[in-house]
């Protein structure tokens, strides 16, 4: 079960909005460490393979050999992650679980980018999208590329207008998907 992330402060928002993807940093420390740094700066949490503990403190990131810590889960509740930083997700090979809740900057383009990330197409099994007001049918339909997705939970998404059509198309594209909806 994903825990709630702390609400981000205005200073985190400014830092997250102003940040650009640092490809040199990704090469220097590896994709999992660089993504961890970006996610935590934006107020999200990460959990590493083999650990039950959620990492929430940027200054407490574990150290060790390059590539030792692999992100397995991301909880972006109340975070300020946005499309601009999604390049940090490209090299992540072990992410099985992502929760996007109350992410005001998550929009259709973010979900499309997420679904086009080849490593996530292979690894992502669970996705929860809750109270992300900028997500529409277009964004949900883009998830059809996540071929290993086993569970999708959608709640409080007022931008979804064609519910029945959208979910039918998604279920046809991903027949093994367990789709749980709370969209009244």
N, C-alpha and C. Protein backbone atom coordinates (compact mmCIF):
# COMPACT_ATOMS: atom_id res chain seq x y z
N UNK A 1 0.84 -1.18 0.00
CA UNK A 1 0.00 0.00 0.00
C UNK A 1 0.89 1.24 0.00
N UNK A 2 0.59 2.17 -0.86
CA UNK A 2 1.36 3.39 -0.94
C UNK A 2 0.93 4.34 0.16
N UNK A 3 1.90 4.95 0.85
CA UNK A 3 1.61 5.90 1.89
C UNK A 3 1.48 7.29 1.28
N UNK A 4 0.88 8.18 2.02
CA UNK A 4 0.75 9.55 1.54
C UNK A 4 2.08 10.28 1.61
N UNK A 5 2.35 11.05 0.58
CA UNK A 5 3.53 11.90 0.57
C UNK A 5 3.19 13.18 1.31
N UNK A 6 4.19 13.83 1.89
CA UNK A 6 3.91 15.09 2.56
C UNK A 6 3.55 16.16 1.53
N UNK A 7 2.72 17.11 1.94
CA UNK A 7 2.37 18.22 1.05
C UNK A 7 3.63 19.01 0.76
N UNK A 8 3.79 19.43 -0.49
CA UNK A 8 4.99 20.17 -0.84
C UNK A 8 4.84 21.63 -0.48
N UNK A 9 5.94 22.24 -0.15
CA UNK A 9 5.94 23.65 0.22
C UNK A 9 6.15 24.51 -1.02
N UNK A 10 5.93 25.80 -0.87
CA UNK A 10 6.11 26.73 -1.98
C UNK A 10 7.56 26.67 -2.47
N UNK A 11 8.52 26.54 -1.57
CA UNK A 11 9.92 26.50 -2.00
C UNK A 11 10.20 25.25 -2.83
N UNK A 12 9.58 24.12 -2.50
CA UNK A 12 9.72 22.91 -3.32
C UNK A 12 9.12 23.14 -4.69
N UNK A 13 7.96 23.82 -4.75
CA UNK A 13 7.32 24.09 -6.02
C UNK A 13 8.22 24.93 -6.90
N UNK A 14 8.82 25.98 -6.35
CA UNK A 14 9.72 26.84 -7.12
C UNK A 14 10.91 26.03 -7.62
N UNK A 15 11.48 25.20 -6.76
CA UNK A 15 12.62 24.37 -7.15
C UNK A 15 12.23 23.41 -8.26
N UNK A 16 11.06 22.78 -8.12
CA UNK A 16 10.62 21.80 -9.11
C UNK A 16 10.30 22.46 -10.44
N UNK A 17 9.64 23.61 -10.41
CA UNK A 17 9.27 24.30 -11.64
C UNK A 17 10.51 24.77 -12.38
N UNK A 18 11.50 25.20 -11.64
CA UNK A 18 12.69 25.76 -12.29
C UNK A 18 13.69 24.71 -12.72
N UNK A 19 13.54 23.47 -12.28
CA UNK A 19 14.54 22.47 -12.59
C UNK A 19 14.44 21.97 -14.03
N UNK A 20 15.54 21.71 -14.59
CA UNK A 20 15.65 21.11 -15.92
C UNK A 20 16.30 19.74 -15.72
N UNK A 21 16.05 18.84 -16.65
CA UNK A 21 16.66 17.52 -16.57
C UNK A 21 18.15 17.66 -16.77
N UNK A 22 18.90 17.10 -15.84
CA UNK A 22 20.36 17.17 -15.88
C UNK A 22 20.89 15.82 -16.38
N UNK A 23 21.07 15.72 -17.70
CA UNK A 23 21.50 14.45 -18.29
C UNK A 23 22.91 14.07 -17.85
N UNK A 24 23.73 15.04 -17.57
CA UNK A 24 25.07 14.75 -17.07
C UNK A 24 25.00 14.11 -15.68
N UNK A 25 24.07 14.58 -14.85
CA UNK A 25 23.88 14.00 -13.53
C UNK A 25 23.40 12.55 -13.65
N UNK A 26 22.50 12.29 -14.59
CA UNK A 26 22.01 10.93 -14.81
C UNK A 26 23.17 10.01 -15.17
N UNK A 27 24.05 10.48 -16.06
CA UNK A 27 25.22 9.66 -16.44
C UNK A 27 26.17 9.47 -15.26
N UNK A 28 26.32 10.50 -14.44
CA UNK A 28 27.28 10.44 -13.33
C UNK A 28 26.83 9.52 -12.19
N UNK A 29 25.54 9.57 -11.83
CA UNK A 29 25.09 8.81 -10.66
C UNK A 29 24.14 7.67 -10.99
N UNK A 30 23.76 7.58 -12.24
CA UNK A 30 22.84 6.52 -12.66
C UNK A 30 21.40 6.99 -12.64
N UNK A 31 20.55 6.32 -13.40
CA UNK A 31 19.17 6.78 -13.54
C UNK A 31 18.35 6.70 -12.26
N UNK A 32 18.56 5.69 -11.44
CA UNK A 32 17.75 5.55 -10.23
C UNK A 32 18.08 6.63 -9.21
N UNK A 33 19.34 6.92 -9.02
CA UNK A 33 19.74 7.97 -8.08
C UNK A 33 19.27 9.33 -8.58
N UNK A 34 19.48 9.63 -9.86
CA UNK A 34 19.07 10.92 -10.41
C UNK A 34 17.54 11.08 -10.34
N UNK A 35 16.81 10.03 -10.66
CA UNK A 35 15.35 10.09 -10.57
C UNK A 35 14.91 10.26 -9.12
N UNK A 36 15.57 9.58 -8.20
CA UNK A 36 15.25 9.74 -6.77
C UNK A 36 15.42 11.19 -6.35
N UNK A 37 16.52 11.78 -6.75
CA UNK A 37 16.78 13.18 -6.40
C UNK A 37 15.69 14.08 -6.93
N UNK A 38 15.32 13.91 -8.21
CA UNK A 38 14.27 14.74 -8.81
C UNK A 38 12.94 14.53 -8.10
N UNK A 39 12.55 13.28 -7.90
CA UNK A 39 11.27 12.98 -7.29
C UNK A 39 11.17 13.55 -5.87
N UNK A 40 12.21 13.37 -5.08
CA UNK A 40 12.19 13.88 -3.72
C UNK A 40 12.19 15.41 -3.69
N UNK A 41 12.93 16.03 -4.59
CA UNK A 41 12.90 17.51 -4.66
C UNK A 41 11.50 18.02 -4.97
N UNK A 42 10.74 17.23 -5.72
CA UNK A 42 9.38 17.62 -6.10
C UNK A 42 8.35 17.21 -5.05
N UNK A 43 8.76 16.59 -3.97
CA UNK A 43 7.85 16.22 -2.89
C UNK A 43 7.29 14.82 -2.97
N UNK A 44 7.79 13.99 -3.88
CA UNK A 44 7.33 12.61 -4.00
C UNK A 44 8.15 11.70 -3.08
N UNK A 45 7.73 10.46 -2.97
CA UNK A 45 8.44 9.44 -2.21
C UNK A 45 8.88 8.34 -3.17
N UNK A 46 9.97 7.66 -2.82
CA UNK A 46 10.41 6.50 -3.59
C UNK A 46 10.68 5.35 -2.63
N UNK A 47 10.49 4.14 -3.13
CA UNK A 47 10.83 2.93 -2.38
C UNK A 47 11.74 2.10 -3.26
N UNK A 48 12.80 1.57 -2.67
CA UNK A 48 13.77 0.79 -3.43
C UNK A 48 13.48 -0.70 -3.32
N UNK A 49 13.94 -1.44 -4.30
CA UNK A 49 13.78 -2.89 -4.29
C UNK A 49 14.33 -3.46 -3.00
N UNK A 50 13.59 -4.38 -2.42
CA UNK A 50 14.04 -5.06 -1.22
C UNK A 50 13.86 -4.26 0.06
N UNK A 51 13.28 -3.08 -0.01
CA UNK A 51 13.10 -2.26 1.18
C UNK A 51 11.62 -1.95 1.38
N UNK A 52 11.13 -2.12 2.61
CA UNK A 52 9.73 -1.75 2.89
C UNK A 52 9.59 -0.25 3.18
N UNK A 53 10.71 0.43 3.38
CA UNK A 53 10.71 1.82 3.82
C UNK A 53 10.63 2.79 2.63
N UNK A 54 9.80 3.82 2.79
CA UNK A 54 9.70 4.88 1.80
C UNK A 54 10.77 5.92 2.06
N UNK A 55 11.47 6.29 1.04
CA UNK A 55 12.49 7.33 1.14
C UNK A 55 11.80 8.67 0.89
N UNK A 56 11.88 9.57 1.86
CA UNK A 56 11.23 10.87 1.70
C UNK A 56 12.17 12.03 1.96
N UNK A 57 13.33 11.77 2.49
CA UNK A 57 14.28 12.83 2.83
C UNK A 57 15.40 12.88 1.80
N UNK A 58 15.45 13.95 1.05
CA UNK A 58 16.49 14.13 0.03
C UNK A 58 17.88 13.98 0.64
N UNK A 59 18.07 14.57 1.81
CA UNK A 59 19.39 14.52 2.45
C UNK A 59 19.71 13.16 3.04
N UNK A 60 18.72 12.30 3.12
CA UNK A 60 18.94 10.96 3.66
C UNK A 60 19.00 9.89 2.59
N UNK A 61 19.16 10.29 1.34
CA UNK A 61 19.27 9.29 0.27
C UNK A 61 20.42 8.34 0.56
N UNK A 62 20.21 7.06 0.36
CA UNK A 62 21.26 6.09 0.64
C UNK A 62 22.45 6.26 -0.31
N UNK A 63 23.59 5.94 0.22
CA UNK A 63 24.81 5.98 -0.59
C UNK A 63 25.28 4.55 -0.81
N UNK A 64 26.18 4.39 -1.70
CA UNK A 64 26.69 3.06 -1.99
C UNK A 64 27.15 3.01 -3.42
N UNK A 65 27.50 1.85 -3.88
CA UNK A 65 27.97 1.71 -5.26
C UNK A 65 26.92 2.18 -6.27
N UNK A 66 27.40 2.71 -7.36
CA UNK A 66 26.53 3.17 -8.43
C UNK A 66 25.60 2.03 -8.87
N UNK A 67 24.31 2.29 -8.87
CA UNK A 67 23.35 1.30 -9.32
C UNK A 67 22.87 0.34 -8.25
N UNK A 68 23.30 0.53 -7.00
CA UNK A 68 22.91 -0.40 -5.93
C UNK A 68 21.42 -0.29 -5.60
N UNK A 69 20.88 0.92 -5.58
CA UNK A 69 19.50 1.14 -5.18
C UNK A 69 18.62 1.36 -6.41
N UNK A 70 17.68 0.47 -6.62
CA UNK A 70 16.78 0.51 -7.79
C UNK A 70 15.38 0.90 -7.32
N UNK A 71 14.81 1.93 -7.93
CA UNK A 71 13.46 2.36 -7.56
C UNK A 71 12.45 1.30 -7.98
N UNK A 72 11.62 0.90 -7.02
CA UNK A 72 10.56 -0.08 -7.27
C UNK A 72 9.18 0.58 -7.27
N UNK A 73 9.01 1.64 -6.46
CA UNK A 73 7.71 2.29 -6.36
C UNK A 73 7.89 3.79 -6.20
N UNK A 74 6.92 4.52 -6.74
CA UNK A 74 6.90 5.98 -6.66
C UNK A 74 5.54 6.40 -6.14
N UNK A 75 5.53 7.24 -5.11
CA UNK A 75 4.30 7.82 -4.60
C UNK A 75 4.42 9.33 -4.76
N UNK A 76 3.70 9.87 -5.74
CA UNK A 76 3.79 11.29 -6.05
C UNK A 76 2.62 12.09 -5.47
N UNK A 77 2.02 11.61 -4.39
CA UNK A 77 0.90 12.30 -3.77
C UNK A 77 1.29 13.72 -3.37
N UNK A 78 0.48 14.69 -3.80
CA UNK A 78 0.69 16.10 -3.47
C UNK A 78 2.04 16.64 -3.94
N UNK A 79 2.64 15.99 -4.89
CA UNK A 79 3.94 16.46 -5.37
C UNK A 79 3.77 17.42 -6.54
N UNK A 80 4.85 18.05 -6.92
CA UNK A 80 4.80 18.98 -8.05
C UNK A 80 5.52 18.41 -9.27
N UNK A 81 5.51 17.08 -9.42
CA UNK A 81 6.13 16.52 -10.62
C UNK A 81 5.35 16.98 -11.84
N UNK A 82 6.08 17.15 -12.93
CA UNK A 82 5.46 17.61 -14.16
C UNK A 82 6.22 17.05 -15.34
N UNK A 83 5.64 17.23 -16.51
CA UNK A 83 6.19 16.70 -17.75
C UNK A 83 7.67 17.02 -17.92
N UNK A 84 8.06 18.21 -17.55
CA UNK A 84 9.43 18.68 -17.74
C UNK A 84 10.48 17.71 -17.18
N UNK A 85 10.17 17.00 -16.12
CA UNK A 85 11.15 16.11 -15.50
C UNK A 85 11.03 14.65 -15.88
N UNK A 86 10.08 14.30 -16.73
CA UNK A 86 9.83 12.89 -17.02
C UNK A 86 10.99 12.18 -17.71
N UNK A 87 11.94 12.91 -18.26
CA UNK A 87 13.14 12.26 -18.80
C UNK A 87 13.89 11.49 -17.73
N UNK A 88 13.73 11.89 -16.46
CA UNK A 88 14.39 11.17 -15.37
C UNK A 88 13.86 9.73 -15.25
N UNK A 89 12.68 9.46 -15.76
CA UNK A 89 12.10 8.12 -15.64
C UNK A 89 12.59 7.16 -16.71
N UNK A 90 13.23 7.66 -17.75
CA UNK A 90 13.63 6.83 -18.89
C UNK A 90 14.48 5.62 -18.52
N UNK A 91 15.42 5.79 -17.62
CA UNK A 91 16.35 4.70 -17.31
C UNK A 91 15.89 3.77 -16.20
N UNK A 92 14.72 4.01 -15.65
CA UNK A 92 14.24 3.18 -14.54
C UNK A 92 13.71 1.86 -15.07
N UNK A 93 14.30 0.76 -14.63
CA UNK A 93 13.95 -0.56 -15.15
C UNK A 93 13.16 -1.43 -14.19
N UNK A 94 13.00 -0.97 -12.94
CA UNK A 94 12.41 -1.84 -11.93
C UNK A 94 11.15 -1.28 -11.28
N UNK A 95 10.61 -0.20 -11.81
CA UNK A 95 9.42 0.42 -11.22
C UNK A 95 8.20 -0.42 -11.54
N UNK A 96 7.54 -0.92 -10.49
CA UNK A 96 6.35 -1.74 -10.67
C UNK A 96 5.08 -1.01 -10.24
N UNK A 97 5.22 0.07 -9.47
CA UNK A 97 4.07 0.69 -8.82
C UNK A 97 4.23 2.21 -8.81
N UNK A 98 3.23 2.92 -9.35
CA UNK A 98 3.24 4.39 -9.34
C UNK A 98 1.89 4.89 -8.87
N UNK A 99 1.92 5.85 -7.97
CA UNK A 99 0.70 6.50 -7.50
C UNK A 99 0.80 8.00 -7.78
N UNK A 100 -0.16 8.50 -8.55
CA UNK A 100 -0.25 9.93 -8.86
C UNK A 100 -1.54 10.43 -8.22
N UNK A 101 -1.42 11.12 -7.12
CA UNK A 101 -2.60 11.62 -6.41
C UNK A 101 -2.44 13.09 -6.10
N UNK A 102 -3.46 13.86 -6.47
CA UNK A 102 -3.46 15.30 -6.23
C UNK A 102 -2.22 15.96 -6.83
N UNK A 103 -1.88 15.55 -8.03
CA UNK A 103 -0.74 16.10 -8.74
C UNK A 103 -1.27 17.13 -9.74
N UNK A 104 -1.21 18.38 -9.36
CA UNK A 104 -1.86 19.42 -10.16
C UNK A 104 -1.20 19.64 -11.52
N UNK A 105 0.03 19.18 -11.70
CA UNK A 105 0.70 19.38 -12.98
C UNK A 105 0.69 18.14 -13.87
N UNK A 106 0.06 17.08 -13.40
CA UNK A 106 -0.06 15.88 -14.24
C UNK A 106 -1.20 16.12 -15.22
N UNK A 107 -0.90 15.92 -16.48
CA UNK A 107 -1.87 16.12 -17.54
C UNK A 107 -1.72 15.00 -18.56
N UNK A 108 -2.52 15.05 -19.61
CA UNK A 108 -2.51 13.98 -20.61
C UNK A 108 -1.12 13.72 -21.18
N UNK A 109 -0.38 14.78 -21.46
CA UNK A 109 0.97 14.61 -22.03
C UNK A 109 1.88 13.83 -21.10
N UNK A 110 1.69 14.00 -19.80
CA UNK A 110 2.49 13.24 -18.82
C UNK A 110 2.18 11.75 -18.91
N UNK A 111 0.90 11.42 -18.99
CA UNK A 111 0.52 10.01 -19.07
C UNK A 111 0.95 9.40 -20.40
N UNK A 112 0.89 10.19 -21.45
CA UNK A 112 1.37 9.71 -22.74
C UNK A 112 2.88 9.45 -22.68
N UNK A 113 3.62 10.37 -22.08
CA UNK A 113 5.07 10.22 -21.94
C UNK A 113 5.39 9.01 -21.08
N UNK A 114 4.65 8.84 -20.00
CA UNK A 114 4.83 7.69 -19.11
C UNK A 114 4.64 6.40 -19.88
N UNK A 115 3.60 6.33 -20.69
CA UNK A 115 3.29 5.09 -21.41
C UNK A 115 4.24 4.83 -22.57
N UNK A 116 4.96 5.84 -23.01
CA UNK A 116 5.92 5.67 -24.09
C UNK A 116 7.33 5.35 -23.59
N UNK A 117 7.52 5.33 -22.28
CA UNK A 117 8.81 5.01 -21.70
C UNK A 117 9.00 3.50 -21.75
N UNK A 118 9.93 3.06 -22.60
CA UNK A 118 10.04 1.62 -22.88
C UNK A 118 10.31 0.79 -21.63
N UNK A 119 11.12 1.27 -20.71
CA UNK A 119 11.38 0.49 -19.49
C UNK A 119 10.12 0.35 -18.65
N UNK A 120 9.31 1.40 -18.58
CA UNK A 120 8.07 1.31 -17.82
C UNK A 120 7.04 0.43 -18.52
N UNK A 121 7.08 0.39 -19.83
CA UNK A 121 6.20 -0.52 -20.57
C UNK A 121 6.45 -1.96 -20.13
N UNK A 122 7.69 -2.27 -19.79
CA UNK A 122 8.06 -3.63 -19.40
C UNK A 122 7.82 -3.89 -17.92
N UNK A 123 8.03 -2.88 -17.05
CA UNK A 123 8.04 -3.14 -15.61
C UNK A 123 6.78 -2.73 -14.86
N UNK A 124 6.10 -1.68 -15.30
CA UNK A 124 4.99 -1.13 -14.51
C UNK A 124 3.81 -2.09 -14.47
N UNK A 125 3.38 -2.42 -13.24
CA UNK A 125 2.27 -3.34 -13.03
C UNK A 125 1.06 -2.67 -12.40
N UNK A 126 1.29 -1.67 -11.54
CA UNK A 126 0.20 -1.00 -10.83
C UNK A 126 0.31 0.50 -11.02
N UNK A 127 -0.84 1.12 -11.31
CA UNK A 127 -0.89 2.57 -11.48
C UNK A 127 -2.17 3.08 -10.87
N UNK A 128 -2.04 4.11 -10.05
CA UNK A 128 -3.19 4.77 -9.45
C UNK A 128 -3.14 6.24 -9.85
N UNK A 129 -4.27 6.73 -10.36
CA UNK A 129 -4.39 8.14 -10.74
C UNK A 129 -5.62 8.67 -10.02
N UNK A 130 -5.39 9.58 -9.08
CA UNK A 130 -6.44 10.05 -8.19
C UNK A 130 -6.40 11.58 -8.11
N UNK A 131 -7.52 12.20 -8.32
CA UNK A 131 -7.67 13.65 -8.14
C UNK A 131 -6.62 14.46 -8.90
N UNK A 132 -6.39 14.08 -10.13
CA UNK A 132 -5.50 14.84 -11.03
C UNK A 132 -6.41 15.51 -12.05
N UNK A 133 -6.78 16.74 -11.78
CA UNK A 133 -7.82 17.44 -12.51
C UNK A 133 -7.55 17.73 -13.97
N UNK A 134 -6.29 17.63 -14.41
CA UNK A 134 -5.95 17.92 -15.80
C UNK A 134 -5.90 16.67 -16.68
N UNK A 135 -6.27 15.53 -16.14
CA UNK A 135 -6.26 14.27 -16.90
C UNK A 135 -7.62 14.10 -17.57
N UNK A 136 -7.59 13.79 -18.86
CA UNK A 136 -8.83 13.56 -19.62
C UNK A 136 -8.81 12.16 -20.22
N UNK A 137 -9.82 11.88 -21.00
CA UNK A 137 -9.92 10.58 -21.68
C UNK A 137 -8.66 10.31 -22.51
N UNK A 138 -8.15 11.33 -23.16
CA UNK A 138 -6.96 11.19 -24.01
C UNK A 138 -5.78 10.62 -23.21
N UNK A 139 -5.57 11.12 -22.02
CA UNK A 139 -4.47 10.63 -21.19
C UNK A 139 -4.67 9.19 -20.75
N UNK A 140 -5.89 8.86 -20.38
CA UNK A 140 -6.18 7.48 -19.96
C UNK A 140 -6.01 6.52 -21.13
N UNK A 141 -6.47 6.91 -22.30
CA UNK A 141 -6.32 6.06 -23.49
C UNK A 141 -4.86 5.84 -23.85
N UNK A 142 -4.00 6.81 -23.55
CA UNK A 142 -2.57 6.67 -23.86
C UNK A 142 -1.93 5.53 -23.06
N UNK A 143 -2.54 5.14 -21.96
CA UNK A 143 -1.97 4.09 -21.11
C UNK A 143 -1.98 2.71 -21.77
N UNK A 144 -2.61 2.57 -22.90
CA UNK A 144 -2.69 1.26 -23.56
C UNK A 144 -1.32 0.70 -23.94
N UNK A 145 -0.30 1.54 -23.95
CA UNK A 145 1.04 1.07 -24.28
C UNK A 145 1.75 0.40 -23.11
N UNK A 146 1.18 0.50 -21.93
CA UNK A 146 1.77 -0.14 -20.75
C UNK A 146 1.31 -1.60 -20.72
N UNK A 147 1.92 -2.39 -21.55
CA UNK A 147 1.44 -3.75 -21.82
C UNK A 147 1.50 -4.71 -20.63
N UNK A 148 2.30 -4.41 -19.62
CA UNK A 148 2.38 -5.28 -18.45
C UNK A 148 1.56 -4.75 -17.28
N UNK A 149 0.80 -3.70 -17.51
CA UNK A 149 -0.03 -3.14 -16.45
C UNK A 149 -1.11 -4.15 -16.05
N UNK A 150 -1.14 -4.48 -14.76
CA UNK A 150 -2.09 -5.45 -14.24
C UNK A 150 -3.25 -4.79 -13.50
N UNK A 151 -2.99 -3.61 -12.92
CA UNK A 151 -3.99 -2.95 -12.08
C UNK A 151 -3.96 -1.45 -12.33
N UNK A 152 -5.13 -0.88 -12.60
CA UNK A 152 -5.27 0.55 -12.79
C UNK A 152 -6.43 1.04 -11.95
N UNK A 153 -6.15 1.98 -11.05
CA UNK A 153 -7.18 2.57 -10.20
C UNK A 153 -7.34 4.03 -10.61
N UNK A 154 -8.57 4.42 -10.93
CA UNK A 154 -8.88 5.78 -11.34
C UNK A 154 -9.95 6.34 -10.42
N UNK A 155 -9.70 7.51 -9.86
CA UNK A 155 -10.66 8.11 -8.94
C UNK A 155 -10.62 9.63 -9.06
N UNK A 156 -11.80 10.23 -8.95
CA UNK A 156 -11.94 11.69 -8.91
C UNK A 156 -11.19 12.36 -10.06
N UNK A 157 -11.55 12.01 -11.28
CA UNK A 157 -10.95 12.58 -12.49
C UNK A 157 -12.05 13.26 -13.31
N UNK A 158 -12.37 14.50 -12.99
CA UNK A 158 -13.48 15.18 -13.66
C UNK A 158 -13.27 15.42 -15.15
N UNK A 159 -12.04 15.33 -15.63
CA UNK A 159 -11.76 15.54 -17.04
C UNK A 159 -12.13 14.36 -17.92
N UNK A 160 -12.47 13.24 -17.31
CA UNK A 160 -12.88 12.07 -18.09
C UNK A 160 -14.37 12.21 -18.39
N UNK A 161 -14.67 12.38 -19.66
CA UNK A 161 -16.06 12.66 -20.09
C UNK A 161 -16.73 11.46 -20.74
N UNK A 162 -15.95 10.66 -21.47
CA UNK A 162 -16.49 9.51 -22.20
C UNK A 162 -16.07 8.22 -21.49
N UNK A 163 -16.53 8.07 -20.25
CA UNK A 163 -16.09 6.97 -19.40
C UNK A 163 -16.24 5.60 -20.05
N UNK A 164 -17.43 5.27 -20.47
CA UNK A 164 -17.68 3.92 -20.98
C UNK A 164 -16.83 3.62 -22.21
N UNK A 165 -16.77 4.53 -23.14
CA UNK A 165 -15.97 4.32 -24.36
C UNK A 165 -14.49 4.21 -24.02
N UNK A 166 -14.01 5.12 -23.20
CA UNK A 166 -12.59 5.12 -22.82
C UNK A 166 -12.19 3.81 -22.16
N UNK A 167 -12.99 3.35 -21.22
CA UNK A 167 -12.62 2.15 -20.49
C UNK A 167 -12.78 0.89 -21.33
N UNK A 168 -13.75 0.88 -22.22
CA UNK A 168 -13.91 -0.27 -23.13
C UNK A 168 -12.69 -0.38 -24.04
N UNK A 169 -12.25 0.73 -24.61
CA UNK A 169 -11.08 0.73 -25.49
C UNK A 169 -9.84 0.29 -24.72
N UNK A 170 -9.68 0.80 -23.51
CA UNK A 170 -8.52 0.43 -22.69
C UNK A 170 -8.54 -1.05 -22.34
N UNK A 171 -9.70 -1.58 -21.97
CA UNK A 171 -9.81 -3.00 -21.62
C UNK A 171 -9.56 -3.89 -22.84
N UNK A 172 -9.96 -3.44 -24.03
CA UNK A 172 -9.69 -4.22 -25.24
C UNK A 172 -8.19 -4.25 -25.53
N UNK A 173 -7.52 -3.14 -25.30
CA UNK A 173 -6.08 -3.07 -25.55
C UNK A 173 -5.29 -3.85 -24.51
N UNK A 174 -5.80 -3.88 -23.28
CA UNK A 174 -5.12 -4.56 -22.17
C UNK A 174 -6.09 -5.54 -21.51
N UNK A 175 -6.32 -6.70 -22.13
CA UNK A 175 -7.35 -7.63 -21.64
C UNK A 175 -7.09 -8.19 -20.24
N UNK A 176 -5.84 -8.19 -19.78
CA UNK A 176 -5.54 -8.72 -18.45
C UNK A 176 -5.57 -7.66 -17.37
N UNK A 177 -5.95 -6.45 -17.73
CA UNK A 177 -5.96 -5.33 -16.80
C UNK A 177 -7.15 -5.40 -15.85
N UNK A 178 -6.87 -5.27 -14.56
CA UNK A 178 -7.92 -5.10 -13.56
C UNK A 178 -8.13 -3.61 -13.41
N UNK A 179 -9.29 -3.14 -13.79
CA UNK A 179 -9.59 -1.71 -13.78
C UNK A 179 -10.55 -1.42 -12.66
N UNK A 180 -10.14 -0.58 -11.72
CA UNK A 180 -11.00 -0.20 -10.60
C UNK A 180 -11.32 1.28 -10.73
N UNK A 181 -12.61 1.60 -10.71
CA UNK A 181 -13.05 2.98 -10.96
C UNK A 181 -13.84 3.53 -9.78
N UNK A 182 -13.59 4.79 -9.49
CA UNK A 182 -14.37 5.55 -8.52
C UNK A 182 -14.51 6.95 -9.09
N UNK A 183 -15.38 7.05 -10.10
CA UNK A 183 -15.46 8.28 -10.88
C UNK A 183 -16.85 8.91 -10.87
N UNK A 184 -17.54 8.81 -9.80
CA UNK A 184 -18.89 9.40 -9.73
C UNK A 184 -18.85 10.89 -9.66
